Amino acid sequence: MELSNNSINEKPFVIGLDMGGTNSVFGIVDQRGTIKAQTAIKTSAYPDVKDYVKAAAEALQPILDQVGGISQIRGMGIGAPDANFYTGNIEDAANLVWKGMVPIAQLFEDALGIPVRVTNDANAAAMGEMTYGVARGMKNFIMITLGTGVGSGIVVDGKVVYGSDGFAGELGHFVIDHTSAGRSCGCGRSGCLETYCSATGVARTVREVLEKSSEPSLLRELNPEDITSYDAFVAAEKGDKLALEVFERTGRLLGTACADFTTFSTPEAFVFFGGLTKAGEYLMAPLREAYEANVLRNFKGHTKLLISSLNGSEAAVLGASALGWEE
């Protein structure tokens, strides 16, 4: 039987869940990417995942009532640390209270009676950008998330790349410094991209430059251990040469790495998302320059370097919700 437009739209909403180590934020989202209602619970308050799912279902009920109940929900998408799209499990997440294999998709399907899909947070961001954001209509792009770490979601021919085990796309752990001076990384290796180009990486660079140079800087007025990438941005806004140098260095490293990533999938665009993108042209100008200087000759001028168009506070929920529309 051929579906009419009315029958396609019989279930006009999906649920998106942005699951963090501390908080879980739920949103009911329509096909235009509008969050119609939101609620949240404390992830860390439930040492037993079954209690967490029960509390989530109870918290969802009032906002489900606002849109006509669960019968109006097509599916649910979850963006979570160390979540495996293939298995529906969260696997040994370091930042969650539950250890080992957690069958989170199945638990929510049993509780809500709707299809549930999961993926890691960077892949969810890529899905959200492709469904609702600046990458809408693109079939090939790479999402780079610049937060506490560096994450990535790779889209090829309109599909997120999950690899053989569901965990493909760890570009933040691409090693850019193979020397003995490479910075130690939480993954156990040294010299990873995220140790230089994340928000925490920028703060590390500031501390290093302050220690090695005597150049005057507003950042010297701060306790070195408390310095953040936002402090560097504030200083750069005031013309601080040291802060500007830090963003110049960070942008060049990231642009050069992206030039290497291009040889893998020749993306239409790189889309950058996360707190560090608030640095704007302080980061993006050297990034673009380094990218064009280092990209393979036949790829020059073919790739856009864009900042996400999604609202930061809503992007994670929207990204997760994009999974809910999948058949």
C-alpha atoms as a PDB file:
ATOM      1  CA  MET A   1       0.000   0.000   0.000  1.00  0.00           C
ATOM      2  CA  GLU A   2       1.351   3.422  -0.928  1.00  0.00           C
ATOM      3  CA  LEU A   3       1.670   5.766   2.018  1.00  0.00           C
ATOM      4  CA  SER A   4      -0.095   9.110   1.807  1.00  0.00           C
ATOM      5  CA  ASN A   5       1.492  12.257   3.188  1.00  0.00           C
ATOM      6  CA  ASN A   6      -0.987  12.078   6.044  1.00  0.00           C
ATOM      7  CA  SER A   7       0.039   8.552   7.034  1.00  0.00           C
ATOM      8  CA  ILE A   8       3.729   9.463   6.824  1.00  0.00           C
ATOM      9  CA  ASN A   9       3.064  12.266   9.263  1.00  0.00           C
ATOM     10  CA  GLU A  10       0.892  10.251  11.644  1.00  0.00           C
ATOM     11  CA  LYS A  11       3.774  10.231  14.119  1.00  0.00           C
ATOM     12  CA  PRO A  12       5.200  13.733  13.778  1.00  0.00           C
ATOM     13  CA  PHE A  13       7.689  13.755  16.659  1.00  0.00           C
ATOM     14  CA  VAL A  14      10.806  11.984  17.916  1.00  0.00           C
ATOM     15  CA  ILE A  15      12.595  12.008  21.259  1.00  0.00           C
ATOM     16  CA  GLY A  16      16.222  13.062  21.481  1.00  0.00           C
ATOM     17  CA  LEU A  17      18.311  12.233  24.550  1.00  0.00           C
ATOM     18  CA  ASP A  18      21.645  13.907  25.231  1.00  0.00           C
ATOM     19  CA  MET A  19      23.158  11.688  27.918  1.00  0.00           C
ATOM     20  CA  GLY A  20      26.042  13.147  29.867  1.00  0.00           C
ATOM     21  CA  GLY A  21      27.879  11.885  32.897  1.00  0.00           C
ATOM     22  CA  THR A  22      26.048  14.342  35.146  1.00  0.00           C
ATOM     23  CA  ASN A  23      22.787  15.244  33.381  1.00  0.00           C
ATOM     24  CA  SER A  24      20.470  13.702  30.805  1.00  0.00           C
ATOM     25  CA  VAL A  25      18.451  16.141  28.697  1.00  0.00           C
ATOM     26  CA  PHE A  26      15.394  14.928  26.767  1.00  0.00           C
ATOM     27  CA  GLY A  27      13.658  16.832  23.987  1.00  0.00           C
ATOM     28  CA  ILE A  28      10.610  16.154  21.825  1.00  0.00           C
ATOM     29  CA  VAL A  29      11.471  17.327  18.317  1.00  0.00           C
ATOM     30  CA  ASP A  30       9.382  17.866  15.188  1.00  0.00           C
ATOM     31  CA  GLN A  31      10.433  17.364  11.567  1.00  0.00           C
ATOM     32  CA  ARG A  32      11.599  20.974  11.251  1.00  0.00           C
ATOM     33  CA  GLY A  33      14.047  20.563  14.093  1.00  0.00           C
ATOM     34  CA  THR A  34      12.001  22.524  16.608  1.00  0.00           C
ATOM     35  CA  ILE A  35      12.234  21.300  20.180  1.00  0.00           C
ATOM     36  CA  LYS A  36       8.628  21.319  21.335  1.00  0.00           C
ATOM     37  CA  ALA A  37       9.272  20.365  24.951  1.00  0.00           C
ATOM     38  CA  GLN A  38      12.216  19.450  27.178  1.00  0.00           C
ATOM     39  CA  THR A  39      12.933  17.800  30.498  1.00  0.00           C
ATOM     40  CA  ALA A  40      16.014  16.522  32.336  1.00  0.00           C
ATOM     41  CA  ILE A  41      17.131  14.152  35.072  1.00  0.00           C
ATOM     42  CA  LYS A  42      20.428  13.558  36.845  1.00  0.00           C
ATOM     43  CA  THR A  43      22.286  10.688  35.167  1.00  0.00           C
ATOM     44  CA  SER A  44      24.615  10.256  38.115  1.00  0.00           C
ATOM     45  CA  ALA A  45      21.748   9.906  40.626  1.00  0.00           C
ATOM     46  CA  TYR A  46      20.923   6.348  39.472  1.00  0.00           C
ATOM     47  CA  PRO A  47      23.666   3.755  40.103  1.00  0.00           C
ATOM     48  CA  ASP A  48      21.295   1.088  38.721  1.00  0.00           C
ATOM     49  CA  VAL A  49      20.558   1.731  35.045  1.00  0.00           C
ATOM     50  CA  LYS A  50      17.088   0.191  35.390  1.00  0.00           C
ATOM     51  CA  ASP A  51      16.206   2.844  37.976  1.00  0.00           C
ATOM     52  CA  TYR A  52      17.547   5.475  35.571  1.00  0.00           C
ATOM     53  CA  VAL A  53      15.323   4.280  32.720  1.00  0.00           C
ATOM     54  CA  LYS A  54      12.297   4.161  35.033  1.00  0.00           C
ATOM     55  CA  ALA A  55      12.973   7.726  36.214  1.00  0.00           C
ATOM     56  CA  ALA A  56      13.455   8.860  32.605  1.00  0.00           C
ATOM     57  CA  ALA A  57      10.125   7.369  31.528  1.00  0.00           C
ATOM     58  CA  GLU A  58       8.391   9.128  34.429  1.00  0.00           C
ATOM     59  CA  ALA A  59      10.050  12.454  33.603  1.00  0.00           C
ATOM     60  CA  LEU A  60       9.072  12.112  29.945  1.00  0.00           C
ATOM     61  CA  GLN A  61       5.370  11.581  30.634  1.00  0.00           C
ATOM     62  CA  PRO A  62       4.413  15.246  31.221  1.00  0.00           C
ATOM     63  CA  ILE A  63       6.119  16.445  28.018  1.00  0.00           C
ATOM     64  CA  LEU A  64       4.697  13.512  26.052  1.00  0.00           C
ATOM     65  CA  ASP A  65       1.248  14.604  27.226  1.00  0.00           C
ATOM     66  CA  GLN A  66       1.955  18.043  25.749  1.00  0.00           C
ATOM     67  CA  VAL A  67       2.229  16.568  22.234  1.00  0.00           C
ATOM     68  CA  GLY A  68      -0.554  13.997  22.449  1.00  0.00           C
ATOM     69  CA  GLY A  69       1.189  11.068  24.107  1.00  0.00           C
ATOM     70  CA  ILE A  70       3.578   8.292  23.063  1.00  0.00           C
ATOM     71  CA  SER A  71       1.356   7.457  20.074  1.00  0.00           C
ATOM     72  CA  GLN A  72       2.689  10.628  18.428  1.00  0.00           C
ATOM     73  CA  ILE A  73       6.345   9.537  18.752  1.00  0.00           C
ATOM     74  CA  ARG A  74       8.027   7.814  15.823  1.00  0.00           C
ATOM     75  CA  GLY A  75      11.215   6.816  17.623  1.00  0.00           C
ATOM     76  CA  MET A  76      13.971   7.858  19.992  1.00  0.00           C
ATOM     77  CA  GLY A  77      17.635   8.672  19.449  1.00  0.00           C
ATOM     78  CA  ILE A  78      20.293   8.712  22.145  1.00  0.00           C
ATOM     79  CA  GLY A  79      23.686  10.391  21.996  1.00  0.00           C
ATOM     80  CA  ALA A  80      25.916   9.003  24.753  1.00  0.00           C
ATOM     81  CA  PRO A  81      29.582   8.423  25.575  1.00  0.00           C
ATOM     82  CA  ASP A  82      30.973   5.170  24.176  1.00  0.00           C
ATOM     83  CA  ALA A  83      27.630   4.220  22.623  1.00  0.00           C
ATOM     84  CA  ASN A  84      27.698   1.624  19.841  1.00  0.00           C
ATOM     85  CA  PHE A  85      25.237   2.138  16.986  1.00  0.00           C
ATOM     86  CA  TYR A  86      25.458  -1.512  15.924  1.00  0.00           C
ATOM     87  CA  THR A  87      24.722  -3.110  19.287  1.00  0.00           C
ATOM     88  CA  GLY A  88      22.609  -0.468  21.001  1.00  0.00           C
ATOM     89  CA  ASN A  89      24.921  -0.752  23.994  1.00  0.00           C
ATOM     90  CA  ILE A  90      26.987   1.709  25.963  1.00  0.00           C
ATOM     91  CA  GLU A  91      30.337  -0.013  26.321  1.00  0.00           C
ATOM     92  CA  ASP A  92      32.640   0.677  29.280  1.00  0.00           C
ATOM     93  CA  ALA A  93      31.962   4.430  29.427  1.00  0.00           C
ATOM     94  CA  ALA A  94      34.513   6.110  31.685  1.00  0.00           C
ATOM     95  CA  ASN A  95      32.278   9.067  32.504  1.00  0.00           C
ATOM     96  CA  LEU A  96      29.054   7.221  33.365  1.00  0.00           C
ATOM     97  CA  VAL A  97      28.083   5.577  36.659  1.00  0.00           C
ATOM     98  CA  TRP A  98      27.297   2.252  34.940  1.00  0.00           C
ATOM     99  CA  LYS A  99      30.205   0.013  33.996  1.00  0.00           C
ATOM    100  CA  GLY A 100      30.556  -2.757  31.428  1.00  0.00           C
ATOM    101  CA  MET A 101      27.969  -3.365  28.704  1.00  0.00           C
ATOM    102  CA  VAL A 102      24.720  -1.427  29.181  1.00  0.00           C
ATOM    103  CA  PRO A 103      21.907  -2.381  26.724  1.00  0.00           C
ATOM    104  CA  ILE A 104      20.489   1.134  26.806  1.00  0.00           C
ATOM    105  CA  ALA A 105      18.509   0.947  23.535  1.00  0.00           C
ATOM    106  CA  GLN A 106      16.716  -2.244  24.567  1.00  0.00           C
ATOM    107  CA  LEU A 107      15.933  -0.899  28.029  1.00  0.00           C
ATOM    108  CA  PHE A 108      14.277   2.220  26.589  1.00  0.00           C
ATOM    109  CA  GLU A 109      12.439   0.216  23.927  1.00  0.00           C
ATOM    110  CA  ASP A 110      10.988  -1.996  26.647  1.00  0.00           C
ATOM    111  CA  ALA A 111      10.025   1.018  28.762  1.00  0.00           C
ATOM    112  CA  LEU A 112       8.501   3.190  26.009  1.00  0.00           C
ATOM    113  CA  GLY A 113       7.440   0.742  23.301  1.00  0.00           C
ATOM    114  CA  ILE A 114       9.090   2.675  20.458  1.00  0.00           C
ATOM    115  CA  PRO A 115      12.206   2.064  18.306  1.00  0.00           C
ATOM    116  CA  VAL A 116      15.393   3.382  19.947  1.00  0.00           C
ATOM    117  CA  ARG A 117      18.822   3.950  18.396  1.00  0.00           C
ATOM    118  CA  VAL A 118      22.057   5.090  20.009  1.00  0.00           C
ATOM    119  CA  THR A 119      25.368   6.508  18.864  1.00  0.00           C
ATOM    120  CA  ASN A 120      28.234   8.423  20.421  1.00  0.00           C
ATOM    121  CA  ASP A 121      27.899  12.141  20.933  1.00  0.00           C
ATOM    122  CA  ALA A 122      30.118  13.246  18.012  1.00  0.00           C
ATOM    123  CA  ASN A 123      28.228  11.045  15.552  1.00  0.00           C
ATOM    124  CA  ALA A 124      24.980  12.414  16.968  1.00  0.00           C
ATOM    125  CA  ALA A 125      26.263  15.932  16.309  1.00  0.00           C
ATOM    126  CA  ALA A 126      26.989  14.974  12.688  1.00  0.00           C
ATOM    127  CA  MET A 127      23.503  13.517  12.314  1.00  0.00           C
ATOM    128  CA  GLY A 128      21.993  16.684  13.723  1.00  0.00           C
ATOM    129  CA  GLU A 129      23.993  18.910  11.403  1.00  0.00           C
ATOM    130  CA  MET A 130      23.000  16.822   8.385  1.00  0.00           C
ATOM    131  CA  THR A 131      19.324  16.792   9.366  1.00  0.00           C
ATOM    132  CA  TYR A 132      18.810  20.297  10.726  1.00  0.00           C
ATOM    133  CA  GLY A 133      21.966  22.376  10.302  1.00  0.00           C
ATOM    134  CA  VAL A 134      24.542  23.841   7.965  1.00  0.00           C
ATOM    135  CA  ALA A 135      25.286  20.411   6.409  1.00  0.00           C
ATOM    136  CA  ARG A 136      21.666  19.849   5.391  1.00  0.00           C
ATOM    137  CA  GLY A 137      21.660  18.367   1.897  1.00  0.00           C
ATOM    138  CA  MET A 138      25.328  17.341   2.070  1.00  0.00           C
ATOM    139  CA  LYS A 139      26.255  13.707   1.505  1.00  0.00           C
ATOM    140  CA  ASN A 140      29.940  13.911   2.427  1.00  0.00           C
ATOM    141  CA  PHE A 141      31.286  15.942   5.324  1.00  0.00           C
ATOM    142  CA  ILE A 142      33.268  15.627   8.531  1.00  0.00           C
ATOM    143  CA  MET A 143      32.002  17.019  11.826  1.00  0.00           C
ATOM    144  CA  ILE A 144      34.704  18.080  14.271  1.00  0.00           C
ATOM    145  CA  THR A 145      33.584  18.755  17.840  1.00  0.00           C
ATOM    146  CA  LEU A 146      35.891  21.037  19.824  1.00  0.00           C
ATOM    147  CA  GLY A 147      35.105  20.761  23.512  1.00  0.00           C
ATOM    148  CA  THR A 148      36.907  19.170  26.437  1.00  0.00           C
ATOM    149  CA  GLY A 149      38.258  16.770  23.819  1.00  0.00           C
ATOM    150  CA  VAL A 150      38.149  16.596  20.035  1.00  0.00           C
ATOM    151  CA  GLY A 151      35.472  14.321  18.594  1.00  0.00           C
ATOM    152  CA  SER A 152      34.436  13.613  15.039  1.00  0.00           C
ATOM    153  CA  GLY A 153      31.597  12.231  12.981  1.00  0.00           C
ATOM    154  CA  ILE A 154      32.374  11.209   9.395  1.00  0.00           C
ATOM    155  CA  VAL A 155      29.578  11.151   6.824  1.00  0.00           C
ATOM    156  CA  VAL A 156      30.194   9.404   3.477  1.00  0.00           C
ATOM    157  CA  ASP A 157      27.517   9.091   0.800  1.00  0.00           C
ATOM    158  CA  GLY A 158      24.904  10.317   3.264  1.00  0.00           C
ATOM    159  CA  LYS A 159      25.719   7.769   5.974  1.00  0.00           C
ATOM    160  CA  VAL A 160      27.678   8.058   9.194  1.00  0.00           C
ATOM    161  CA  VAL A 161      30.805   5.891   9.102  1.00  0.00           C
ATOM    162  CA  TYR A 162      30.714   3.415  11.994  1.00  0.00           C
ATOM    163  CA  GLY A 163      33.394   0.982  10.834  1.00  0.00           C
ATOM    164  CA  SER A 164      33.623  -2.707  11.674  1.00  0.00           C
ATOM    165  CA  ASP A 165      32.856  -2.349  15.370  1.00  0.00           C
ATOM    166  CA  GLY A 166      30.729   0.799  15.653  1.00  0.00           C
ATOM    167  CA  PHE A 167      33.520   3.042  16.916  1.00  0.00           C
ATOM    168  CA  ALA A 168      35.023   4.528  13.748  1.00  0.00           C
ATOM    169  CA  GLY A 169      35.767   8.228  13.568  1.00  0.00           C
ATOM    170  CA  GLU A 170      38.175   8.921  16.420  1.00  0.00           C
ATOM    171  CA  LEU A 171      39.995  11.722  14.613  1.00  0.00           C
ATOM    172  CA  GLY A 172      40.719  13.428  17.920  1.00  0.00           C
ATOM    173  CA  HIS A 173      43.210  10.633  18.530  1.00  0.00           C
ATOM    174  CA  PHE A 174      45.019  11.140  15.238  1.00  0.00           C
ATOM    175  CA  VAL A 175      48.638  11.662  16.342  1.00  0.00           C
ATOM    176  CA  ILE A 176      50.076  14.980  15.151  1.00  0.00           C
ATOM    177  CA  ASP A 177      53.282  14.886  17.217  1.00  0.00           C
ATOM    178  CA  HIS A 178      55.247  11.649  17.065  1.00  0.00           C
ATOM    179  CA  THR A 179      58.247  13.061  18.938  1.00  0.00           C
ATOM    180  CA  SER A 180      59.108  12.402  22.570  1.00  0.00           C
ATOM    181  CA  ALA A 181      57.662  15.858  23.327  1.00  0.00           C
ATOM    182  CA  GLY A 182      54.142  14.838  22.292  1.00  0.00           C
ATOM    183  CA  ARG A 183      51.582  15.640  24.957  1.00  0.00           C
ATOM    184  CA  SER A 184      50.170  12.762  26.978  1.00  0.00           C
ATOM    185  CA  CYS A 185      46.546  11.919  26.206  1.00  0.00           C
ATOM    186  CA  GLY A 186      43.810  10.279  28.243  1.00  0.00           C
ATOM    187  CA  CYS A 187      43.630   7.508  25.624  1.00  0.00           C
ATOM    188  CA  GLY A 188      47.063   6.300  26.718  1.00  0.00           C
ATOM    189  CA  ARG A 189      48.997   7.571  23.715  1.00  0.00           C
ATOM    190  CA  SER A 190      50.924  10.802  23.180  1.00  0.00           C
ATOM    191  CA  GLY A 191      50.689  13.655  20.698  1.00  0.00           C
ATOM    192  CA  CYS A 192      46.976  13.267  19.886  1.00  0.00           C
ATOM    193  CA  LEU A 193      45.172  16.109  18.116  1.00  0.00           C
ATOM    194  CA  GLU A 194      42.836  16.646  21.066  1.00  0.00           C
ATOM    195  CA  THR A 195      45.732  17.409  23.406  1.00  0.00           C
ATOM    196  CA  TYR A 196      46.428  20.502  21.282  1.00  0.00           C
ATOM    197  CA  CYS A 197      43.155  21.566  19.637  1.00  0.00           C
ATOM    198  CA  SER A 198      40.501  20.992  22.291  1.00  0.00           C
ATOM    199  CA  ALA A 199      39.469  23.659  24.795  1.00  0.00           C
ATOM    200  CA  THR A 200      41.683  21.968  27.377  1.00  0.00           C
ATOM    201  CA  GLY A 201      44.471  21.747  24.794  1.00  0.00           C
ATOM    202  CA  VAL A 202      44.335  25.504  24.248  1.00  0.00           C
ATOM    203  CA  ALA A 203      44.631  26.047  28.010  1.00  0.00           C
ATOM    204  CA  ARG A 204      47.681  23.748  28.039  1.00  0.00           C
ATOM    205  CA  THR A 205      49.237  25.755  25.230  1.00  0.00           C
ATOM    206  CA  VAL A 206      48.653  29.008  27.131  1.00  0.00           C
ATOM    207  CA  ARG A 207      50.411  27.610  30.207  1.00  0.00           C
ATOM    208  CA  GLU A 208      53.339  26.377  28.119  1.00  0.00           C
ATOM    209  CA  VAL A 209      53.789  29.705  26.340  1.00  0.00           C
ATOM    210  CA  LEU A 210      53.531  31.668  29.592  1.00  0.00           C
ATOM    211  CA  GLU A 211      56.216  29.464  31.119  1.00  0.00           C
ATOM    212  CA  LYS A 212      58.601  29.571  28.158  1.00  0.00           C
ATOM    213  CA  SER A 213      58.327  33.262  27.249  1.00  0.00           C
ATOM    214  CA  SER A 214      58.507  36.548  29.091  1.00  0.00           C
ATOM    215  CA  GLU A 215      56.106  38.320  26.740  1.00  0.00           C
ATOM    216  CA  PRO A 216      53.680  40.609  28.595  1.00  0.00           C
ATOM    217  CA  SER A 217      50.133  39.241  28.664  1.00  0.00           C
ATOM    218  CA  LEU A 218      46.847  39.794  30.450  1.00  0.00           C
ATOM    219  CA  LEU A 219      46.845  36.039  31.055  1.00  0.00           C
ATOM    220  CA  ARG A 220      49.761  36.418  33.483  1.00  0.00           C
ATOM    221  CA  GLU A 221      47.325  38.003  35.921  1.00  0.00           C
ATOM    222  CA  LEU A 222      45.518  34.649  36.279  1.00  0.00           C
ATOM    223  CA  ASN A 223      46.438  31.521  38.209  1.00  0.00           C
ATOM    224  CA  PRO A 224      47.986  29.335  35.456  1.00  0.00           C
ATOM    225  CA  GLU A 225      46.138  26.215  36.627  1.00  0.00           C
ATOM    226  CA  ASP A 226      42.788  27.996  36.392  1.00  0.00           C
ATOM    227  CA  ILE A 227      43.236  29.386  32.863  1.00  0.00           C
ATOM    228  CA  THR A 228      40.616  28.279  30.320  1.00  0.00           C
ATOM    229  CA  SER A 229      40.268  28.663  26.571  1.00  0.00           C
ATOM    230  CA  TYR A 230      37.609  31.298  27.264  1.00  0.00           C
ATOM    231  CA  ASP A 231      40.175  33.353  29.189  1.00  0.00           C
ATOM    232  CA  ALA A 232      42.405  33.181  26.114  1.00  0.00           C
ATOM    233  CA  PHE A 233      39.506  34.357  23.945  1.00  0.00           C
ATOM    234  CA  VAL A 234      38.791  37.330  26.253  1.00  0.00           C
ATOM    235  CA  ALA A 235      42.463  38.289  26.128  1.00  0.00           C
ATOM    236  CA  ALA A 236      42.548  37.931  22.333  1.00  0.00           C
ATOM    237  CA  GLU A 237      39.528  40.237  22.079  1.00  0.00           C
ATOM    238  CA  LYS A 238      41.619  42.855  23.889  1.00  0.00           C
ATOM    239  CA  GLY A 239      44.491  42.432  21.411  1.00  0.00           C
ATOM    240  CA  ASP A 240      46.702  40.339  23.705  1.00  0.00           C
ATOM    241  CA  LYS A 241      49.572  39.140  21.499  1.00  0.00           C
ATOM    242  CA  LEU A 242      50.231  35.968  23.464  1.00  0.00           C
ATOM    243  CA  ALA A 243      46.572  34.899  23.300  1.00  0.00           C
ATOM    244  CA  LEU A 244      46.459  35.664  19.578  1.00  0.00           C
ATOM    245  CA  GLU A 245      49.590  33.556  19.089  1.00  0.00           C
ATOM    246  CA  VAL A 246      47.959  30.628  20.921  1.00  0.00           C
ATOM    247  CA  PHE A 247      44.898  30.680  18.650  1.00  0.00           C
ATOM    248  CA  GLU A 248      47.142  31.086  15.600  1.00  0.00           C
ATOM    249  CA  ARG A 249      49.098  27.986  16.613  1.00  0.00           C
ATOM    250  CA  THR A 250      45.936  25.996  17.408  1.00  0.00           C
ATOM    251  CA  GLY A 251      44.281  26.931  14.105  1.00  0.00           C
ATOM    252  CA  ARG A 252      47.357  25.952  12.122  1.00  0.00           C
ATOM    253  CA  LEU A 253      47.562  22.542  13.788  1.00  0.00           C
ATOM    254  CA  LEU A 254      43.870  21.850  13.228  1.00  0.00           C
ATOM    255  CA  GLY A 255      43.928  23.072   9.618  1.00  0.00           C
ATOM    256  CA  THR A 256      46.917  20.907   8.813  1.00  0.00           C
ATOM    257  CA  ALA A 257      45.264  17.845  10.382  1.00  0.00           C
ATOM    258  CA  CYS A 258      42.065  18.468   8.397  1.00  0.00           C
ATOM    259  CA  ALA A 259      44.130  18.654   5.213  1.00  0.00           C
ATOM    260  CA  ASP A 260      45.285  15.106   5.994  1.00  0.00           C
ATOM    261  CA  PHE A 261      41.739  13.956   6.808  1.00  0.00           C
ATOM    262  CA  THR A 262      40.603  15.155   3.369  1.00  0.00           C
ATOM    263  CA  THR A 263      42.629  12.430   1.666  1.00  0.00           C
ATOM    264  CA  PHE A 264      40.398   9.868   3.359  1.00  0.00           C
ATOM    265  CA  SER A 265      36.922  10.949   2.238  1.00  0.00           C
ATOM    266  CA  THR A 266      37.252  14.183   0.190  1.00  0.00           C
ATOM    267  CA  PRO A 267      34.451  15.872   2.139  1.00  0.00           C
ATOM    268  CA  GLU A 268      32.298  18.683   0.814  1.00  0.00           C
ATOM    269  CA  ALA A 269      32.850  20.437   4.118  1.00  0.00           C
ATOM    270  CA  PHE A 270      34.320  20.295   7.571  1.00  0.00           C
ATOM    271  CA  VAL A 271      31.814  21.499  10.144  1.00  0.00           C
ATOM    272  CA  PHE A 272      33.249  22.684  13.453  1.00  0.00           C
ATOM    273  CA  PHE A 273      31.129  22.611  16.587  1.00  0.00           C
ATOM    274  CA  GLY A 274      31.685  23.248  20.275  1.00  0.00           C
ATOM    275  CA  GLY A 275      32.782  25.901  22.732  1.00  0.00           C
ATOM    276  CA  LEU A 276      36.131  26.563  21.074  1.00  0.00           C
ATOM    277  CA  THR A 277      34.420  27.763  17.873  1.00  0.00           C
ATOM    278  CA  LYS A 278      33.351  30.871  19.805  1.00  0.00           C
ATOM    279  CA  ALA A 279      36.898  32.082  19.136  1.00  0.00           C
ATOM    280  CA  GLY A 280      35.665  32.734  15.590  1.00  0.00           C
ATOM    281  CA  GLU A 281      38.242  34.163  13.210  1.00  0.00           C
ATOM    282  CA  TYR A 282      41.038  33.958  15.782  1.00  0.00           C
ATOM    283  CA  LEU A 283      40.822  30.201  15.198  1.00  0.00           C
ATOM    284  CA  MET A 284      39.266  29.950  11.727  1.00  0.00           C
ATOM    285  CA  ALA A 285      41.556  32.338   9.823  1.00  0.00           C
ATOM    286  CA  PRO A 286      44.788  30.384  10.559  1.00  0.00           C
ATOM    287  CA  LEU A 287      42.850  27.119  10.164  1.00  0.00           C
ATOM    288  CA  ARG A 288      41.780  28.039   6.615  1.00  0.00           C
ATOM    289  CA  GLU A 289      45.261  29.246   5.702  1.00  0.00           C
ATOM    290  CA  ALA A 290      46.938  26.065   6.988  1.00  0.00           C
ATOM    291  CA  TYR A 291      44.350  23.854   5.321  1.00  0.00           C
ATOM    292  CA  GLU A 292      44.863  25.380   1.881  1.00  0.00           C
ATOM    293  CA  ALA A 293      48.649  25.365   2.303  1.00  0.00           C
ATOM    294  CA  ASN A 294      48.749  21.650   3.160  1.00  0.00           C
ATOM    295  CA  VAL A 295      45.871  19.958   1.344  1.00  0.00           C
ATOM    296  CA  LEU A 296      46.698  17.759  -1.659  1.00  0.00           C
ATOM    297  CA  ARG A 297      46.871  19.902  -4.796  1.00  0.00           C
ATOM    298  CA  ASN A 298      43.877  18.372  -6.575  1.00  0.00           C
ATOM    299  CA  PHE A 299      41.668  18.974  -3.495  1.00  0.00           C
ATOM    300  CA  LYS A 300      42.462  22.687  -3.167  1.00  0.00           C
ATOM    301  CA  GLY A 301      39.433  24.957  -3.161  1.00  0.00           C
ATOM    302  CA  HIS A 302      36.938  22.065  -3.060  1.00  0.00           C
ATOM    303  CA  THR A 303      36.111  21.934   0.651  1.00  0.00           C
ATOM    304  CA  LYS A 304      34.173  24.378   2.814  1.00  0.00           C
ATOM    305  CA  LEU A 305      35.296  25.058   6.360  1.00  0.00           C
ATOM    306  CA  LEU A 306      32.166  25.930   8.312  1.00  0.00           C
ATOM    307  CA  ILE A 307      31.029  26.595  11.867  1.00  0.00           C
ATOM    308  CA  SER A 308      27.900  24.741  12.983  1.00  0.00           C
ATOM    309  CA  SER A 309      24.630  26.631  12.626  1.00  0.00           C
ATOM    310  CA  LEU A 310      22.953  24.768  15.500  1.00  0.00           C
ATOM    311  CA  ASN A 311      22.228  26.459  18.796  1.00  0.00           C
ATOM    312  CA  GLY A 312      24.810  25.125  21.223  1.00  0.00           C
ATOM    313  CA  SER A 313      22.371  24.432  24.046  1.00  0.00           C
ATOM    314  CA  GLU A 314      20.045  22.478  21.733  1.00  0.00           C
ATOM    315  CA  ALA A 315      22.474  20.836  19.323  1.00  0.00           C
ATOM    316  CA  ALA A 316      23.105  17.670  21.337  1.00  0.00           C
ATOM    317  CA  VAL A 317      19.383  16.956  21.725  1.00  0.00           C
ATOM    318  CA  LEU A 318      18.749  17.710  18.041  1.00  0.00           C
ATOM    319  CA  GLY A 319      21.646  15.487  17.012  1.00  0.00           C
ATOM    320  CA  ALA A 320      20.340  12.590  19.049  1.00  0.00           C
ATOM    321  CA  SER A 321      16.791  13.138  17.790  1.00  0.00           C
ATOM    322  CA  ALA A 322      17.960  12.812  14.180  1.00  0.00           C
ATOM    323  CA  LEU A 323      18.464   9.077  14.840  1.00  0.00           C
ATOM    324  CA  GLY A 324      14.811   8.785  15.736  1.00  0.00           C
ATOM    325  CA  TRP A 325      13.694   9.477  12.164  1.00  0.00           C
ATOM    326  CA  GLU A 326      15.699   6.586  10.687  1.00  0.00           C
ATOM    327  CA  GLU A 327      13.805   3.549   9.422  1.00  0.00           C
END
